N, C-alpha and C. Protein backbone atom coordinates (compact mmCIF):
# COMPACT_ATOMS: atom_id res chain seq x y z
N UNK A 1 143.41 95.38 114.74
CA UNK A 1 142.28 95.93 113.48
C UNK A 1 141.80 94.76 112.81
N UNK A 2 140.47 95.04 112.70
CA UNK A 2 139.82 94.29 111.77
C UNK A 2 139.83 94.67 110.07
N UNK A 3 139.51 94.01 109.11
CA UNK A 3 139.34 94.36 107.91
C UNK A 3 137.74 94.69 108.17
N UNK A 4 137.48 95.85 107.33
CA UNK A 4 135.80 95.83 107.10
C UNK A 4 135.77 96.25 105.67
N UNK A 5 134.63 95.76 105.38
CA UNK A 5 134.12 96.12 104.14
C UNK A 5 133.83 97.64 103.58
N UNK A 6 134.63 97.95 102.49
CA UNK A 6 134.56 99.02 101.82
C UNK A 6 133.27 99.87 101.67
N UNK A 7 132.62 101.00 101.86
CA UNK A 7 131.46 101.35 101.83
C UNK A 7 131.56 101.32 100.28
N UNK A 8 130.06 101.19 99.75
CA UNK A 8 129.75 101.04 98.41
C UNK A 8 129.47 102.72 97.94
N UNK A 9 129.38 102.98 96.60
CA UNK A 9 129.12 103.88 95.82
C UNK A 9 127.56 104.38 96.74
N UNK A 10 126.55 103.46 96.41
CA UNK A 10 125.37 104.07 96.63
C UNK A 10 125.66 104.46 98.32
N UNK A 11 126.26 104.01 99.14
CA UNK A 11 125.98 104.33 100.60
C UNK A 11 126.31 105.83 100.62
N UNK A 12 127.21 106.09 99.72
CA UNK A 12 127.84 107.54 99.79
C UNK A 12 126.66 108.57 99.33
N UNK A 13 126.10 108.39 97.97
CA UNK A 13 125.16 108.97 97.22
C UNK A 13 123.79 109.07 97.72
N UNK A 14 123.20 108.06 98.76
CA UNK A 14 122.08 107.90 99.15
C UNK A 14 121.20 107.22 97.68
N UNK A 15 119.71 106.78 98.17
CA UNK A 15 119.15 106.28 97.68
C UNK A 15 118.13 107.15 96.60
N UNK A 16 118.69 108.45 96.57
CA UNK A 16 117.52 109.42 95.48
C UNK A 16 118.28 109.10 93.93
N UNK A 17 119.44 108.70 93.94
CA UNK A 17 119.86 108.59 92.47
C UNK A 17 119.96 107.23 91.97
N UNK A 18 119.24 106.93 90.42
CA UNK A 18 119.04 105.85 89.72
C UNK A 18 119.73 106.08 88.60
N UNK A 19 120.18 104.54 88.22
CA UNK A 19 121.02 104.69 86.71
C UNK A 19 122.24 104.61 86.77
N UNK A 20 123.05 104.80 85.42
CA UNK A 20 124.13 105.11 85.67
C UNK A 20 124.84 106.03 85.96
N UNK A 21 125.87 105.96 86.79
CA UNK A 21 126.77 107.40 87.57
C UNK A 21 128.17 107.43 86.59
N UNK A 22 128.21 108.88 86.27
CA UNK A 22 129.40 108.88 85.39
C UNK A 22 130.55 109.93 86.23
N UNK A 23 131.72 109.81 86.42
CA UNK A 23 132.35 110.58 87.30
C UNK A 23 133.19 111.71 86.76
N UNK A 24 132.49 111.87 85.33
CA UNK A 24 132.92 113.22 84.91
C UNK A 24 131.51 114.06 85.11
N UNK A 25 130.82 113.63 85.67
CA UNK A 25 129.77 114.71 85.67
C UNK A 25 129.80 115.37 87.29
N UNK A 26 129.58 116.51 87.19
CA UNK A 26 129.91 117.22 88.51
C UNK A 26 129.00 117.29 89.24
N UNK A 27 127.65 116.58 89.29
CA UNK A 27 126.70 116.60 90.25
C UNK A 27 127.06 115.41 90.88
N UNK A 28 127.02 114.19 90.28
CA UNK A 28 127.89 113.07 90.76
C UNK A 28 128.73 113.15 91.77
N UNK A 29 130.33 113.62 91.07
CA UNK A 29 131.33 113.83 91.68
C UNK A 29 130.84 114.84 93.09
N UNK A 30 130.14 115.84 93.17
CA UNK A 30 129.58 116.69 94.29
C UNK A 30 129.03 115.83 95.49
N UNK A 31 128.32 114.88 94.86
CA UNK A 31 127.52 114.19 95.61
C UNK A 31 128.33 113.15 96.41
N UNK A 32 129.37 112.44 95.77
CA UNK A 32 130.31 111.74 96.26
C UNK A 32 130.90 112.45 97.53
N UNK A 33 131.66 113.82 97.24
CA UNK A 33 132.29 114.36 98.05
C UNK A 33 131.22 114.90 99.26
N UNK A 34 130.30 115.15 99.01
CA UNK A 34 129.18 115.45 100.12
C UNK A 34 128.83 114.23 101.04
N UNK A 35 128.63 113.08 100.45
CA UNK A 35 128.43 111.97 101.09
C UNK A 35 129.77 111.52 101.95
N UNK A 36 131.31 112.12 101.77
CA UNK A 36 132.22 111.67 102.31
C UNK A 36 132.29 112.81 103.50
N UNK A 37 132.34 113.97 103.10
CA UNK A 37 132.10 114.97 104.16
C UNK A 37 130.81 114.64 104.99
N UNK A 38 129.69 114.29 104.94
CA UNK A 38 128.82 113.84 106.01
C UNK A 38 128.98 112.90 106.87
N UNK A 39 129.88 111.74 106.09
CA UNK A 39 130.67 110.49 106.91
C UNK A 39 131.77 110.89 107.81
N UNK A 40 132.19 112.00 107.63
CA UNK A 40 133.52 112.51 108.27
C UNK A 40 132.87 113.73 109.45
N UNK A 41 132.22 114.30 108.84
CA UNK A 41 131.47 114.98 110.27
C UNK A 41 130.64 114.19 111.11
N UNK A 42 129.96 113.38 110.72
CA UNK A 42 129.18 112.54 111.76
C UNK A 42 130.14 111.91 112.50
N UNK A 43 131.19 111.35 111.78
CA UNK A 43 132.46 110.63 113.19
C UNK A 43 132.86 111.70 114.06
N UNK A 44 133.25 112.85 113.58
CA UNK A 44 133.81 113.69 114.31
C UNK A 44 132.94 114.23 115.46
N UNK A 45 131.67 114.54 115.27
CA UNK A 45 130.56 114.51 115.97
C UNK A 45 130.46 113.59 117.51
N UNK A 46 130.35 112.35 116.62
CA UNK A 46 130.59 111.26 117.63
C UNK A 46 131.23 111.19 118.65
N UNK A 47 132.72 111.70 118.07
CA UNK A 47 133.85 111.85 119.02
C UNK A 47 133.64 112.95 120.15
N UNK A 48 133.19 114.10 119.53
CA UNK A 48 133.09 115.46 120.27
C UNK A 48 132.05 115.04 121.49
N UNK A 49 130.72 113.78 120.94
CA UNK A 49 129.74 113.39 122.17
C UNK A 49 130.15 112.18 122.85
N UNK A 50 131.54 111.51 122.96
CA UNK A 50 131.68 110.42 123.16
C UNK A 50 131.25 109.51 123.22
N UNK A 51 131.13 109.15 121.71
CA UNK A 51 130.02 108.03 121.43
C UNK A 51 130.97 107.26 120.40
N UNK A 52 132.07 107.77 120.22
CA UNK A 52 133.15 107.51 119.31
C UNK A 52 134.63 107.31 119.99
N UNK A 53 135.74 106.62 119.87
CA UNK A 53 136.81 106.95 120.08
C UNK A 53 137.31 107.57 118.85
N UNK A 54 138.75 108.39 119.10
CA UNK A 54 139.05 109.08 117.83
C UNK A 54 139.86 107.79 116.95
N UNK A 55 140.32 106.99 117.27
CA UNK A 55 140.46 105.81 116.53
C UNK A 55 139.45 104.86 115.98
N UNK A 56 138.13 105.20 116.38
CA UNK A 56 137.23 104.41 115.49
C UNK A 56 136.89 105.65 114.61
N UNK A 57 136.61 106.76 114.83
CA UNK A 57 136.70 107.75 113.60
C UNK A 57 137.76 107.97 112.55
N UNK A 58 138.81 107.84 112.85
CA UNK A 58 140.11 108.12 112.16
C UNK A 58 139.61 106.57 111.15
N UNK A 59 139.33 105.64 111.76
CA UNK A 59 139.64 104.06 111.05
C UNK A 59 138.24 104.23 109.84
N UNK A 60 137.28 105.06 109.92
CA UNK A 60 136.02 104.92 109.41
C UNK A 60 136.39 106.12 108.03
N UNK A 61 136.69 107.04 108.49
CA UNK A 61 137.38 108.03 107.42
C UNK A 61 138.41 107.56 106.78
N UNK A 62 139.32 106.49 107.20
CA UNK A 62 140.12 106.15 106.12
C UNK A 62 139.61 105.24 105.24
N UNK A 63 138.68 104.48 105.77
CA UNK A 63 138.23 103.09 105.17
C UNK A 63 137.43 103.98 103.79
N UNK A 64 136.56 104.92 104.05
CA UNK A 64 135.85 105.76 102.83
C UNK A 64 137.02 106.64 102.18
N UNK A 65 137.57 106.78 102.44
CA UNK A 65 138.85 107.62 101.44
C UNK A 65 139.72 106.44 100.88
N UNK A 66 139.84 105.62 101.45
CA UNK A 66 140.32 104.28 100.42
C UNK A 66 139.51 103.65 99.51
N UNK A 67 137.94 103.66 99.88
CA UNK A 67 137.14 103.35 98.77
C UNK A 67 136.89 104.35 97.61
N UNK A 68 137.05 105.62 98.08
CA UNK A 68 136.83 106.78 97.07
C UNK A 68 137.93 106.73 96.08
N UNK A 69 139.14 106.51 96.96
CA UNK A 69 140.60 106.47 96.06
C UNK A 69 140.56 105.62 95.15
N UNK A 70 139.90 104.45 95.13
CA UNK A 70 139.84 103.01 94.47
C UNK A 70 139.01 103.60 93.28
N UNK A 71 137.95 103.96 93.66
CA UNK A 71 136.54 104.74 92.79
C UNK A 71 137.34 105.46 91.88
N UNK A 72 137.68 106.59 91.95
CA UNK A 72 138.05 107.93 91.54
C UNK A 72 139.06 107.73 90.54
N UNK A 73 139.98 106.29 91.11
CA UNK A 73 141.27 106.32 90.16
C UNK A 73 140.93 105.00 89.48
N UNK A 74 139.88 104.63 88.94
CA UNK A 74 139.06 103.74 88.02
C UNK A 74 139.82 102.19 88.37
N UNK A 75 140.18 102.04 89.40
CA UNK A 75 140.76 100.69 89.75
C UNK A 75 140.00 99.65 90.17
N UNK A 76 138.75 100.05 90.89
CA UNK A 76 137.65 98.98 91.26
C UNK A 76 136.52 99.49 90.78
N UNK A 77 135.84 99.10 89.84
CA UNK A 77 134.74 99.90 89.21
C UNK A 77 133.19 98.96 89.97
N UNK A 78 132.68 99.45 90.08
CA UNK A 78 131.27 99.39 90.50
C UNK A 78 130.17 99.34 89.11
N UNK A 79 129.41 98.01 88.81
CA UNK A 79 129.16 98.08 87.34
C UNK A 79 128.03 99.11 87.11
N UNK A 80 127.99 99.97 87.87
CA UNK A 80 127.13 101.18 87.70
C UNK A 80 127.50 102.88 87.59
N UNK A 81 128.65 102.46 87.64
CA UNK A 81 129.76 103.73 87.34
C UNK A 81 130.64 104.04 86.25
N UNK A 82 130.64 105.09 85.41
CA UNK A 82 131.29 105.13 84.36
C UNK A 82 132.60 106.06 84.65
N UNK A 83 133.96 105.66 84.45
CA UNK A 83 134.85 106.18 84.52
C UNK A 83 135.27 106.39 82.98
N UNK A 84 136.13 107.82 83.27
CA UNK A 84 136.90 108.01 81.66
C UNK A 84 138.37 108.27 82.03
N UNK A 85 139.21 108.47 80.85
CA UNK A 85 140.91 108.05 80.87
C UNK A 85 141.35 109.07 82.12
N UNK A 86 140.45 110.29 82.51
CA UNK A 86 140.83 111.10 83.66
C UNK A 86 141.07 110.34 85.04
N UNK A 87 140.11 109.22 84.88
CA UNK A 87 140.54 108.63 86.30
C UNK A 87 141.25 107.21 86.63
N UNK A 88 142.65 107.90 86.57
CA UNK A 88 143.53 106.94 86.33
C UNK A 88 144.49 107.38 87.44
N UNK A 89 145.45 107.00 87.96
CA UNK A 89 146.44 107.36 88.76
C UNK A 89 147.42 108.30 87.71
N UNK A 90 147.93 107.93 86.89
CA UNK A 90 148.40 108.79 86.05
C UNK A 90 148.13 110.21 85.61
N UNK A 91 146.79 110.39 85.85
CA UNK A 91 145.76 111.56 85.58
C UNK A 91 145.89 112.34 86.77
N UNK A 92 144.62 111.67 87.50
CA UNK A 92 143.98 112.39 88.29
C UNK A 92 145.10 112.34 89.56
N UNK A 93 145.75 111.00 89.84
CA UNK A 93 146.66 110.71 90.61
C UNK A 93 147.85 111.81 90.71
N UNK A 94 148.59 112.09 89.66
CA UNK A 94 149.54 112.97 89.00
C UNK A 94 149.32 114.13 89.14
N UNK A 95 147.81 114.75 88.88
CA UNK A 95 147.38 116.34 88.96
C UNK A 95 147.12 116.18 90.51
N UNK A 96 146.48 115.50 91.71
CA UNK A 96 146.57 115.87 92.85
C UNK A 96 147.84 115.83 93.40
N UNK A 97 148.84 114.77 93.09
CA UNK A 97 150.40 114.91 94.02
C UNK A 97 150.97 116.24 93.29
N UNK A 98 150.91 116.55 92.24
CA UNK A 98 151.43 117.76 91.64
C UNK A 98 151.01 119.28 92.31
N UNK A 99 149.49 118.95 92.67
CA UNK A 99 148.67 120.03 93.03
C UNK A 99 149.19 120.65 94.56
N UNK A 100 149.11 119.42 95.26
CA UNK A 100 149.36 119.53 96.87
C UNK A 100 150.77 119.04 97.33
N UNK A 101 151.58 118.72 96.04
CA UNK A 101 152.92 118.20 96.73
C UNK A 101 153.27 116.69 97.52
N UNK A 102 151.93 116.18 97.15
CA UNK A 102 152.09 114.86 97.96
C UNK A 102 153.38 113.89 98.06
N UNK A 103 153.90 113.51 98.85
CA UNK A 103 154.76 112.71 98.61
C UNK A 103 154.44 111.05 98.07
N UNK A 104 153.22 110.89 98.43
CA UNK A 104 152.77 109.91 98.42
C UNK A 104 152.30 109.18 96.49
N UNK A 105 152.75 107.97 95.95
CA UNK A 105 152.58 107.67 94.84
C UNK A 105 150.96 108.20 94.28
N UNK A 106 151.29 108.02 93.09
CA UNK A 106 149.88 108.99 92.28
C UNK A 106 148.70 107.74 92.82
N UNK A 107 149.03 106.53 92.77
CA UNK A 107 147.80 105.79 92.84
C UNK A 107 146.97 105.61 94.57
N UNK A 108 147.79 106.91 95.30
CA UNK A 108 147.42 107.17 97.08
C UNK A 108 147.00 108.33 96.90
N UNK A 109 147.41 109.43 95.90
CA UNK A 109 146.83 110.64 96.18
C UNK A 109 145.59 111.07 96.45
N UNK A 110 144.36 110.56 95.46
CA UNK A 110 143.26 110.80 95.99
C UNK A 110 142.77 110.58 97.46
N UNK A 111 143.26 109.27 97.89
CA UNK A 111 143.15 108.81 99.36
C UNK A 111 143.76 110.10 100.23
N UNK A 112 144.89 110.41 100.06
CA UNK A 112 145.46 111.76 100.85
C UNK A 112 144.69 112.86 100.69
N UNK A 113 144.44 113.18 99.29
CA UNK A 113 143.62 114.45 99.43
C UNK A 113 142.37 114.38 100.33
N UNK A 114 141.74 113.37 100.18
CA UNK A 114 140.53 113.14 101.00
C UNK A 114 140.73 113.20 102.89
N UNK A 115 141.97 112.85 102.86
CA UNK A 115 142.25 112.78 104.48
C UNK A 115 142.65 114.09 104.70
N UNK A 116 143.41 115.17 103.91
CA UNK A 116 143.56 116.13 104.05
C UNK A 116 142.01 117.18 104.10
N UNK A 117 141.31 116.96 103.21
CA UNK A 117 139.89 117.45 103.45
C UNK A 117 139.19 117.08 104.70
N UNK A 118 139.58 116.14 105.26
CA UNK A 118 138.59 115.26 106.27
C UNK A 118 139.44 116.21 107.41
N UNK A 119 140.49 116.73 107.34
CA UNK A 119 141.18 117.47 108.43
C UNK A 119 140.69 118.71 108.57
N UNK A 120 140.55 119.39 107.29
CA UNK A 120 139.51 120.57 107.41
C UNK A 120 138.46 120.57 107.68
N UNK A 121 137.64 119.82 107.39
CA UNK A 121 136.26 119.51 107.77
C UNK A 121 136.40 119.81 109.58
N UNK A 122 137.39 118.92 110.11
CA UNK A 122 137.27 118.40 111.36
C UNK A 122 137.62 119.95 112.12
N UNK A 123 138.72 120.71 111.60
CA UNK A 123 138.78 121.91 111.76
C UNK A 123 137.72 122.69 111.89
N UNK A 124 136.92 122.89 110.69
CA UNK A 124 135.80 123.47 110.74
C UNK A 124 134.65 123.43 111.98
N UNK A 125 134.58 122.23 111.95
CA UNK A 125 133.72 121.59 113.20
C UNK A 125 134.07 122.30 114.41
N UNK A 126 135.14 122.33 114.77
CA UNK A 126 135.82 122.82 115.80
C UNK A 126 135.87 123.84 116.08
N UNK A 127 136.14 124.61 115.63
CA UNK A 127 135.59 126.10 115.52
C UNK A 127 134.23 127.00 116.12
N UNK A 128 133.24 125.86 115.83
CA UNK A 128 132.02 126.52 116.43
C UNK A 128 131.80 127.87 116.03
N UNK A 129 132.08 128.33 115.08
CA UNK A 129 131.92 129.41 114.46
C UNK A 129 130.29 129.73 113.67
N UNK A 130 129.53 130.83 113.78
CA UNK A 130 128.45 130.88 112.59
C UNK A 130 128.48 130.49 111.43
N UNK A 131 129.54 130.79 110.88
CA UNK A 131 129.90 130.25 109.12
C UNK A 131 130.21 128.86 108.82
N UNK A 132 130.34 127.99 109.91
CA UNK A 132 130.94 126.78 109.74
C UNK A 132 130.39 126.17 108.51
N UNK A 133 129.12 125.88 107.97
CA UNK A 133 128.25 125.67 107.40
C UNK A 133 128.66 126.08 105.79
N UNK A 134 129.19 127.55 105.73
CA UNK A 134 129.50 127.92 104.59
C UNK A 134 131.26 127.56 104.00
N UNK A 135 131.73 127.31 105.32
CA UNK A 135 133.00 127.18 104.90
C UNK A 135 133.12 125.35 104.63
N UNK A 136 132.22 124.91 105.11
CA UNK A 136 132.35 123.19 104.74
C UNK A 136 131.50 123.17 103.32
N UNK A 137 130.73 124.15 102.71
CA UNK A 137 130.34 123.92 101.29
C UNK A 137 131.54 124.67 100.61
N UNK A 138 132.11 125.54 101.04
CA UNK A 138 133.16 125.79 100.08
C UNK A 138 134.68 124.76 99.79
N UNK A 139 134.76 124.37 100.86
CA UNK A 139 135.26 123.03 100.90
C UNK A 139 134.81 121.83 99.95
N UNK A 140 133.63 121.51 100.08
CA UNK A 140 133.07 120.43 99.32
C UNK A 140 133.23 120.92 97.96
N UNK A 141 132.89 122.23 97.66
CA UNK A 141 133.12 122.49 96.10
C UNK A 141 134.53 122.66 95.57
N UNK A 142 135.66 122.97 96.16
CA UNK A 142 136.70 122.71 96.24
C UNK A 142 137.45 121.46 95.88
N UNK A 143 137.03 120.63 96.41
CA UNK A 143 137.26 119.24 96.53
C UNK A 143 136.53 118.55 95.26
N UNK A 144 135.16 118.76 94.69
CA UNK A 144 134.89 118.72 93.58
C UNK A 144 135.47 119.03 92.29
N UNK A 145 136.20 120.36 92.33
CA UNK A 145 136.55 120.51 91.27
C UNK A 145 137.91 119.95 90.95
N UNK A 146 138.43 119.63 92.12
CA UNK A 146 140.08 118.75 92.14
C UNK A 146 139.96 117.85 91.50
N UNK A 147 138.73 116.79 91.73
CA UNK A 147 138.31 115.65 91.47
C UNK A 147 138.04 115.63 90.12
N UNK A 148 137.47 116.46 89.77
CA UNK A 148 137.16 116.89 88.15
C UNK A 148 138.16 117.45 87.40
N UNK A 149 139.40 117.62 87.69
CA UNK A 149 140.68 118.08 87.29
C UNK A 149 140.41 119.50 86.99
N UNK A 150 139.70 120.62 87.93
CA UNK A 150 140.01 121.93 87.62
C UNK A 150 140.30 122.49 89.09
N UNK A 151 141.16 123.25 88.48
CA UNK A 151 141.69 124.15 89.62
C UNK A 151 140.59 124.43 90.65
N UNK A 152 141.12 124.61 91.87
CA UNK A 152 140.08 125.22 92.89
C UNK A 152 139.71 126.78 92.63
N UNK A 153 138.30 126.85 92.61
CA UNK A 153 137.81 128.11 92.72
C UNK A 153 137.80 128.66 90.93
N UNK A 154 137.89 127.77 90.26
CA UNK A 154 137.94 128.09 88.82
C UNK A 154 136.90 127.07 88.03
N UNK A 155 135.91 126.95 88.74
CA UNK A 155 134.73 126.28 88.12
C UNK A 155 134.17 127.27 86.88
N UNK A 156 133.31 126.41 86.02
CA UNK A 156 132.73 127.21 85.06
C UNK A 156 131.66 128.21 85.48
């Protein structure tokens, strides 16, 4: 397996945002979650269309999850991103670990959460139901809440 460069924050947010990005801002976190969801759904759609292998999709989703884990836990900062005390393994990582009962260390729990999220996105895509867009939106909202330290469905 080759080592690939981790995706940049800008590649997940798109070109429409300029200026400093604050990980305490629900809009920014929501855009990062949506970027991850879009990339995940794109990869799984490519698998369903026989344009990529399952291994390629899993590798890409894992790569993006690793990048966001590092970002959200304040371990590798992009000079354009502001993190707060919440963005640490001892706070966000521990919160996610406790909320989901993950066995991974707190340093890997955002990654585990994102892989869990990707699994639910894949299931939503496979259902072919008419409300799969709504399901994806609800999942995006819950993920944003969790990454901001709010219990799912407890947004202001």
